[in-house]
Amino acid sequence: MIKCKKLLAVATVGALGLAACGSDDDASTDTAAPAETEAPAETEAPAEDDGGSICEVTDVGGVDDKGFNQIAFEGAERASAEFGLTAEVLESASDADYETNIQSFIEKDCSLIVTVGFLLGDATAAAAAANPDQQFAIIDVGYEEAIPNVLTLNFSTAEPSFLAGYLAAGMTATGKVATYGGINIPPVTIFMDGFANGVTYYNEQKGAEVEVLGWDVEAQDGSFAGNFENLDDGKALASSFADEGADIIFPVAGPVGLGSSAYATENEGIRIIGVDNDLTVSNPNEAAVYLTSVLKKIDEAVFAATEQVVVNGEGGGAYVGTLENDGVGLAPYHEQEDDIPQELKDEIEALKVEIIAGNIAVV
């Protein structure tokens, strides 16, 4: 039987089916209130024998971010059901919580501690070094030197973002599209690089002049909310881009991006590209505004990490999700299906094949 505990708030995150390898890879993240900051309160459902536990520490985006924190825990819950484990989560209300939350799970003797996001990289490395018998998996971090008890889970998100940029360039009615990030860190900017380069490739192939607002690939500089929590910032950024003429916006900012979706719902003619999760499914109240979503299949990775580490007893290693291994991708077009020309859909499928073959550089 599954035993699920909520500590402060349940983070929902997912994972990606993975094959571990011996070397590290670098990491390519209506308004709602941000995560609560009160002290953890624990509830526990009745359970039978405890065969081990998967324990997740979220970043500050929160458990119900409709993004990578949520997807990761979905993977943990699926693994707990499949393998007879307990799934637990601690939500981090601020950066100061990372070390404390990790230590709490170490003291609980978790079978696998999954830390979610680049911001937890240092705290995870320090905890792993101090506790060599504790197994960890971390999302969106690649260490220069492999840590024997840390399995790194990274994703080549520039690949599907390139496809999304090409799609946006082909669908804009104004000739302007936009992207922005939560915080200027590599796991965020790699999405933005891929997106902008996809627009550039479209321009080269079509003789077009679609403009990208919010990100300069060469300067590695652009628009950032400065956080992953404040939906009002997402609304403000979307409004600003719309005022400049952008009609398709790609937020790479966790829950902040939901503010942009809310803006698009309230303002006709703006479409959004979701990130991490299929937001047409996870944010159904605003499904009509999503052109597609760039998927980072974290749930499959977390599930497979649990199987590798907890079930098979093989800790450490590195995984990178790609278009080739189905670790990343584009979501279905859903409500936008009939609006997208078949020729453009076919071009995107052909681009995917070329990227997998190594014939097109996305960054």
Protein backbone atom coordinates (compact mmCIF):
# COMPACT_ATOMS: atom_id res chain seq x y z
CA MET A 1 0.00 0.00 0.00
CA ILE A 2 1.19 3.54 -0.72
CA LYS A 3 1.90 5.88 2.12
CA CYS A 4 1.93 9.56 1.07
CA LYS A 5 3.03 12.30 3.43
CA LYS A 6 2.57 16.02 2.90
CA LEU A 7 5.16 18.18 4.61
CA LEU A 8 4.25 21.88 4.34
CA ALA A 9 2.72 21.25 0.90
CA VAL A 10 2.87 18.38 -1.54
CA ALA A 11 5.14 19.09 -4.49
CA THR A 12 4.10 17.40 -7.68
CA VAL A 13 6.99 16.56 -9.91
CA GLY A 14 7.54 13.98 -12.60
CA ALA A 15 10.37 11.99 -14.09
CA LEU A 16 11.71 10.59 -17.25
CA GLY A 17 12.61 7.01 -18.16
CA LEU A 18 16.37 6.95 -17.99
CA ALA A 19 19.47 4.95 -18.63
CA ALA A 20 22.33 5.93 -16.34
CA CYS A 21 25.81 6.39 -17.73
CA GLY A 22 29.14 6.81 -16.06
CA SER A 23 29.81 10.48 -16.81
CA ASP A 24 28.17 13.76 -15.80
CA ASP A 25 26.27 16.04 -18.16
CA ASP A 26 25.56 19.74 -17.62
CA ALA A 27 21.99 20.92 -17.35
CA SER A 28 20.95 22.19 -20.62
CA THR A 29 12.25 25.54 -14.64
CA ASP A 30 -6.62 34.37 -12.83
CA THR A 31 -3.56 34.85 -10.49
CA ALA A 32 -2.74 32.38 -7.77
CA ALA A 33 -1.03 33.05 -4.48
CA PRO A 34 2.61 32.02 -4.08
CA ALA A 35 3.61 29.10 -1.87
CA GLU A 36 2.91 29.47 1.83
CA THR A 37 5.79 30.11 4.18
CA GLU A 38 4.49 28.62 7.39
CA ALA A 39 6.27 25.85 9.26
CA PRO A 40 5.89 22.31 7.95
CA ALA A 41 2.81 20.43 9.06
CA GLU A 42 2.79 16.71 8.44
CA THR A 43 -0.16 14.49 7.63
CA GLU A 44 0.04 10.80 6.96
CA ALA A 45 -2.35 8.34 5.38
CA PRO A 46 -2.58 4.87 6.90
CA ALA A 47 -0.28 2.35 5.28
CA GLU A 48 0.92 -1.17 5.55
CA ASP A 49 4.58 -2.25 5.38
CA ASP A 50 7.02 0.49 4.41
CA GLY A 51 9.38 -0.90 1.79
CA GLY A 52 11.39 2.32 1.45
CA SER A 53 10.74 5.94 0.63
CA ILE A 54 11.19 8.48 -2.15
CA CYS A 55 11.61 11.93 -0.64
CA GLU A 56 11.45 15.07 -2.75
CA VAL A 57 12.67 18.57 -1.89
CA THR A 58 11.17 21.22 -4.16
CA ASP A 59 12.59 24.57 -5.13
CA VAL A 60 10.72 27.78 -4.33
CA GLY A 61 8.32 27.34 -7.26
CA GLY A 62 6.17 25.20 -5.00
CA VAL A 63 4.37 21.93 -5.16
CA ASP A 64 1.43 22.95 -7.32
CA ASP A 65 3.46 24.87 -9.90
CA LYS A 66 1.93 22.98 -12.86
CA GLY A 67 5.56 22.59 -13.90
CA PHE A 68 8.67 20.69 -12.97
CA ASN A 69 8.06 20.45 -9.23
CA GLN A 70 4.62 19.02 -9.89
CA ILE A 71 5.80 16.69 -12.64
CA ALA A 72 8.60 15.31 -10.48
CA PHE A 73 6.30 14.33 -7.66
CA GLU A 74 3.94 12.65 -10.10
CA GLY A 75 6.89 10.43 -11.01
CA ALA A 76 7.60 9.76 -7.35
CA GLU A 77 3.98 8.84 -6.69
CA ARG A 78 3.88 6.50 -9.66
CA ALA A 79 7.09 4.83 -8.50
CA SER A 80 5.73 4.49 -4.96
CA ALA A 81 2.63 2.76 -6.30
CA GLU A 82 4.61 0.49 -8.61
CA PHE A 83 7.29 -0.53 -6.12
CA GLY A 84 5.44 -0.41 -2.78
CA LEU A 85 7.24 2.65 -1.43
CA THR A 86 6.34 5.81 0.47
CA ALA A 87 6.30 9.14 -1.40
CA GLU A 88 7.06 12.24 0.66
CA VAL A 89 7.73 15.89 -0.16
CA LEU A 90 9.02 19.02 1.52
CA GLU A 91 8.29 22.34 -0.14
CA SER A 92 10.96 25.02 0.07
CA ALA A 93 9.48 28.45 0.74
CA SER A 94 12.88 30.15 0.32
CA ASP A 95 16.48 29.32 -0.55
CA ALA A 96 17.20 29.03 3.16
CA ASP A 97 15.00 25.92 3.34
CA TYR A 98 17.04 23.75 0.97
CA GLU A 99 19.66 22.56 3.45
CA THR A 100 17.13 22.15 6.26
CA ASN A 101 14.69 20.14 4.15
CA ILE A 102 17.41 17.86 2.80
CA GLN A 103 18.69 17.25 6.33
CA SER A 104 15.17 16.43 7.52
CA PHE A 105 14.93 13.69 4.91
CA ILE A 106 18.41 12.37 5.72
CA GLU A 107 17.27 11.97 9.32
CA LYS A 108 14.21 10.07 8.07
CA ASP A 109 16.54 7.60 6.33
CA CYS A 110 14.88 8.03 2.93
CA SER A 111 15.83 5.45 0.31
CA LEU A 112 16.23 8.20 -2.30
CA ILE A 113 16.17 11.96 -1.89
CA VAL A 114 15.19 13.80 -5.08
CA THR A 115 16.10 17.49 -5.18
CA VAL A 116 14.43 19.60 -7.84
CA GLY A 117 16.32 22.30 -9.65
CA PHE A 118 19.56 24.13 -10.23
CA LEU A 119 19.12 26.20 -7.08
CA LEU A 120 19.54 23.07 -4.93
CA GLY A 121 22.85 22.07 -6.53
CA ASP A 122 25.21 23.24 -3.79
CA ALA A 123 23.06 22.03 -0.90
CA THR A 124 22.69 18.60 -2.52
CA ALA A 125 26.42 18.24 -3.19
CA ALA A 126 27.28 19.21 0.38
CA ALA A 127 24.74 16.80 1.87
CA ALA A 128 25.90 13.97 -0.40
CA ALA A 129 29.53 14.50 0.60
CA ALA A 130 28.65 14.52 4.29
CA ASN A 131 26.39 11.44 3.97
CA PRO A 132 28.01 9.02 1.50
CA ASP A 133 25.54 6.23 2.31
CA GLN A 134 22.52 8.39 1.41
CA GLN A 135 21.39 8.19 -2.22
CA PHE A 136 20.32 11.33 -4.10
CA ALA A 137 18.97 12.28 -7.51
CA ILE A 138 18.99 15.90 -8.66
CA ILE A 139 17.18 17.54 -11.54
CA ASP A 140 18.80 20.17 -13.78
CA VAL A 141 22.29 19.99 -12.30
CA GLY A 142 25.49 18.54 -13.74
CA TYR A 143 28.59 18.49 -11.54
CA GLU A 144 32.12 18.92 -12.94
CA GLU A 145 33.17 15.85 -10.98
CA ALA A 146 30.75 12.97 -10.54
CA ILE A 147 29.45 12.41 -7.01
CA PRO A 148 29.12 8.65 -6.40
CA ASN A 149 25.83 8.86 -4.50
CA VAL A 150 24.15 11.48 -6.73
CA LEU A 151 22.32 10.57 -9.95
CA THR A 152 22.02 13.67 -12.14
CA LEU A 153 18.92 14.09 -14.33
CA ASN A 154 19.28 16.65 -17.11
CA PHE A 155 17.38 17.44 -20.28
CA SER A 156 18.36 18.80 -23.69
CA THR A 157 15.51 21.29 -23.63
CA ALA A 158 17.04 23.43 -26.37
CA GLU A 159 15.90 20.75 -28.84
CA PRO A 160 12.11 21.01 -28.36
CA SER A 161 12.47 24.75 -27.69
CA PHE A 162 14.02 25.10 -31.17
CA LEU A 163 10.93 23.39 -32.60
CA ALA A 164 8.71 25.71 -30.55
CA GLY A 165 10.57 28.75 -31.88
CA TYR A 166 10.11 27.55 -35.45
CA LEU A 167 6.41 26.97 -34.76
CA ALA A 168 5.99 30.42 -33.19
CA ALA A 169 7.71 32.08 -36.15
CA GLY A 170 5.40 30.25 -38.50
CA MET A 171 2.27 31.20 -36.56
CA THR A 172 2.82 34.84 -35.54
CA ALA A 173 0.49 37.33 -37.17
CA THR A 174 2.51 40.35 -36.03
CA GLY A 175 6.03 39.25 -36.90
CA LYS A 176 7.07 39.45 -33.25
CA VAL A 177 7.33 36.69 -30.63
CA ALA A 178 8.74 36.81 -27.10
CA THR A 179 10.33 34.76 -24.37
CA TYR A 180 11.37 35.46 -20.80
CA GLY A 181 12.81 33.56 -17.86
CA GLY A 182 12.27 33.27 -14.15
CA ILE A 183 15.90 33.62 -13.08
CA ASN A 184 18.99 33.93 -15.29
CA ILE A 185 20.42 30.44 -14.76
CA PRO A 186 21.52 27.85 -17.35
CA PRO A 187 18.50 25.49 -17.06
CA VAL A 188 16.30 28.50 -17.92
CA THR A 189 18.37 30.22 -20.60
CA ILE A 190 18.91 26.98 -22.54
CA PHE A 191 15.18 26.98 -23.34
CA MET A 192 15.44 30.61 -24.46
CA ASP A 193 18.48 29.88 -26.63
CA GLY A 194 16.70 27.05 -28.40
CA PHE A 195 13.55 29.10 -28.91
CA ALA A 196 15.37 32.11 -30.36
CA ASN A 197 17.53 29.91 -32.58
CA GLY A 198 14.41 28.17 -33.88
CA VAL A 199 13.00 31.55 -34.92
CA THR A 200 16.31 32.43 -36.59
CA TYR A 201 16.28 29.14 -38.49
CA TYR A 202 12.73 29.81 -39.68
CA ASN A 203 13.80 33.25 -40.91
CA GLU A 204 16.75 31.75 -42.79
CA GLN A 205 14.63 29.07 -44.42
CA LYS A 206 11.69 31.30 -45.30
CA GLY A 207 13.33 34.66 -45.94
CA ALA A 208 11.25 36.02 -43.07
CA GLU A 209 12.10 38.65 -40.46
CA VAL A 210 10.31 37.46 -37.35
CA GLU A 211 11.68 39.30 -34.31
CA VAL A 212 12.34 37.75 -30.90
CA LEU A 213 11.70 39.99 -27.90
CA GLY A 214 13.05 39.21 -24.43
CA TRP A 215 16.24 37.34 -25.28
CA ASP A 216 19.52 38.04 -27.08
CA VAL A 217 21.40 34.78 -27.68
CA GLU A 218 24.76 36.42 -28.41
CA ALA A 219 24.67 38.74 -25.41
CA GLN A 220 23.02 36.08 -23.21
CA ASP A 221 20.85 38.83 -21.84
CA GLY A 222 17.14 39.43 -21.75
CA SER A 223 13.96 39.65 -19.70
CA PHE A 224 13.61 37.87 -16.35
CA ALA A 225 10.98 38.00 -13.63
CA GLY A 226 13.62 37.54 -10.94
CA ASN A 227 11.62 34.73 -9.34
CA PHE A 228 9.56 31.62 -10.07
CA GLU A 229 6.55 32.42 -7.90
CA ASN A 230 4.89 35.76 -8.62
CA LEU A 231 2.11 35.40 -11.19
CA ASP A 232 1.63 39.17 -11.30
CA ASP A 233 5.13 39.45 -12.76
CA GLY A 234 4.08 37.07 -15.52
CA LYS A 235 1.06 39.22 -16.28
CA ALA A 236 3.16 42.37 -16.37
CA LEU A 237 5.76 40.84 -18.69
CA ALA A 238 3.10 39.52 -21.05
CA SER A 239 1.43 42.93 -21.11
CA SER A 240 4.73 44.62 -21.90
CA PHE A 241 5.53 42.21 -24.73
CA ALA A 242 2.01 42.58 -26.14
CA ASP A 243 2.42 46.36 -26.10
CA GLU A 244 5.57 45.88 -28.19
CA GLY A 245 3.63 43.80 -30.68
CA ALA A 246 4.38 40.20 -29.68
CA ASP A 247 1.46 37.81 -30.11
CA ILE A 248 3.15 34.55 -29.02
CA ILE A 249 4.99 34.37 -25.69
CA PHE A 250 7.16 31.57 -24.27
CA PRO A 251 7.60 31.95 -20.48
CA VAL A 252 10.35 29.83 -18.91
CA ALA A 253 9.49 30.75 -15.36
CA GLY A 254 7.43 28.09 -13.61
CA PRO A 255 4.29 29.50 -11.95
CA VAL A 256 5.21 33.03 -13.10
CA GLY A 257 4.25 31.88 -16.59
CA LEU A 258 0.71 31.17 -15.39
CA GLY A 259 0.33 34.91 -15.02
CA SER A 260 1.08 35.27 -18.73
CA SER A 261 -1.52 32.62 -19.50
CA ALA A 262 -4.06 34.55 -17.44
CA TYR A 263 -3.18 37.70 -19.38
CA ALA A 264 -3.65 35.88 -22.68
CA THR A 265 -7.03 34.59 -21.53
CA GLU A 266 -8.11 38.14 -20.79
CA ASN A 267 -6.65 39.65 -23.98
CA GLU A 268 -7.63 38.19 -27.33
CA GLY A 269 -4.92 37.51 -29.88
CA ILE A 270 -2.14 36.43 -27.49
CA ARG A 271 -0.99 32.81 -27.41
CA ILE A 272 1.33 31.11 -24.95
CA ILE A 273 3.80 28.26 -25.28
CA GLY A 274 3.90 26.27 -22.04
CA VAL A 275 7.00 24.86 -20.39
CA ASP A 276 7.95 21.58 -18.67
CA ASN A 277 4.42 20.16 -18.53
CA ASP A 278 1.56 20.00 -21.06
CA LEU A 279 -0.19 23.07 -19.72
CA THR A 280 -3.27 22.53 -21.84
CA VAL A 281 -3.85 19.50 -19.61
CA SER A 282 -2.49 20.75 -16.27
CA ASN A 283 -4.01 24.25 -16.57
CA PRO A 284 -7.34 23.45 -18.28
CA ASN A 285 -9.07 26.71 -17.34
CA GLU A 286 -6.73 28.50 -19.76
CA ALA A 287 -6.27 25.67 -22.26
CA ALA A 288 -7.44 27.77 -25.20
CA VAL A 289 -4.38 30.07 -25.09
CA TYR A 290 -1.69 27.38 -25.40
CA LEU A 291 -0.19 26.89 -28.85
CA THR A 292 1.80 23.92 -27.49
CA SER A 293 4.13 23.20 -24.56
CA VAL A 294 7.82 22.32 -24.44
CA LEU A 295 7.93 19.08 -22.46
CA LYS A 296 10.64 18.07 -20.04
CA LYS A 297 9.54 14.58 -19.04
CA ILE A 298 10.77 14.71 -15.48
CA ASP A 299 8.14 12.27 -14.23
CA GLU A 300 9.59 9.49 -16.36
CA ALA A 301 13.11 10.31 -15.19
CA VAL A 302 12.16 10.25 -11.51
CA PHE A 303 10.32 6.97 -11.94
CA ALA A 304 13.32 5.38 -13.65
CA ALA A 305 15.73 6.88 -11.10
CA THR A 306 13.72 5.24 -8.33
CA GLU A 307 13.84 1.91 -10.10
CA GLN A 308 17.58 2.21 -10.66
CA VAL A 309 18.54 3.39 -7.19
CA VAL A 310 15.92 1.93 -4.82
CA VAL A 311 14.88 -1.25 -6.60
CA ASN A 312 18.12 -2.22 -8.34
CA GLY A 313 20.54 -0.67 -5.82
CA GLU A 314 22.59 1.24 -8.40
CA GLY A 315 23.34 4.79 -7.24
CA GLY A 316 25.07 7.62 -9.06
CA GLY A 317 25.50 8.21 -12.77
CA ALA A 318 24.05 10.71 -15.22
CA TYR A 319 21.08 10.93 -17.55
CA VAL A 320 20.20 13.39 -20.31
CA GLY A 321 16.73 13.42 -21.86
CA THR A 322 16.70 14.19 -25.59
CA LEU A 323 14.34 14.12 -28.55
CA GLU A 324 15.96 10.84 -29.53
CA ASN A 325 15.21 9.05 -26.26
CA ASP A 326 11.83 10.80 -25.82
CA GLY A 327 13.05 12.60 -22.72
CA VAL A 328 11.91 15.94 -24.14
CA GLY A 329 9.44 16.96 -26.83
CA LEU A 330 6.52 19.13 -27.91
CA ALA A 331 3.05 18.59 -26.49
CA PRO A 332 0.10 17.95 -28.82
CA TYR A 333 -1.46 21.06 -30.34
CA HIS A 334 -4.85 20.29 -28.76
CA GLU A 335 -7.25 23.18 -29.41
CA GLN A 336 -4.79 24.81 -31.82
CA GLU A 337 -4.62 21.73 -34.07
CA ASP A 338 -6.89 23.10 -36.79
CA ASP A 339 -5.24 26.53 -36.79
CA ILE A 340 -1.75 25.25 -37.58
CA PRO A 341 -1.17 24.61 -41.30
CA GLN A 342 -0.33 21.00 -42.15
CA GLU A 343 2.74 22.19 -44.04
CA LEU A 344 4.11 23.78 -40.86
CA LYS A 345 3.38 20.64 -38.84
CA ASP A 346 5.22 18.55 -41.43
CA GLU A 347 8.21 20.90 -41.36
CA ILE A 348 8.44 20.59 -37.57
CA GLU A 349 8.38 16.79 -37.79
CA ALA A 350 11.13 16.92 -40.42
CA LEU A 351 13.17 19.27 -38.22
CA LYS A 352 12.86 16.83 -35.33
CA VAL A 353 14.37 14.08 -37.50
CA GLU A 354 17.22 16.36 -38.57
CA ILE A 355 17.98 17.42 -34.99
CA ILE A 356 18.09 13.79 -33.85
CA ALA A 357 20.42 12.98 -36.75
CA GLY A 358 22.75 15.79 -35.67
CA ASN A 359 22.27 17.75 -38.89
CA ILE A 360 20.92 20.89 -37.20
CA ALA A 361 22.62 22.60 -34.25
CA VAL A 362 20.04 23.99 -31.86
CA VAL A 363 22.53 25.98 -29.75
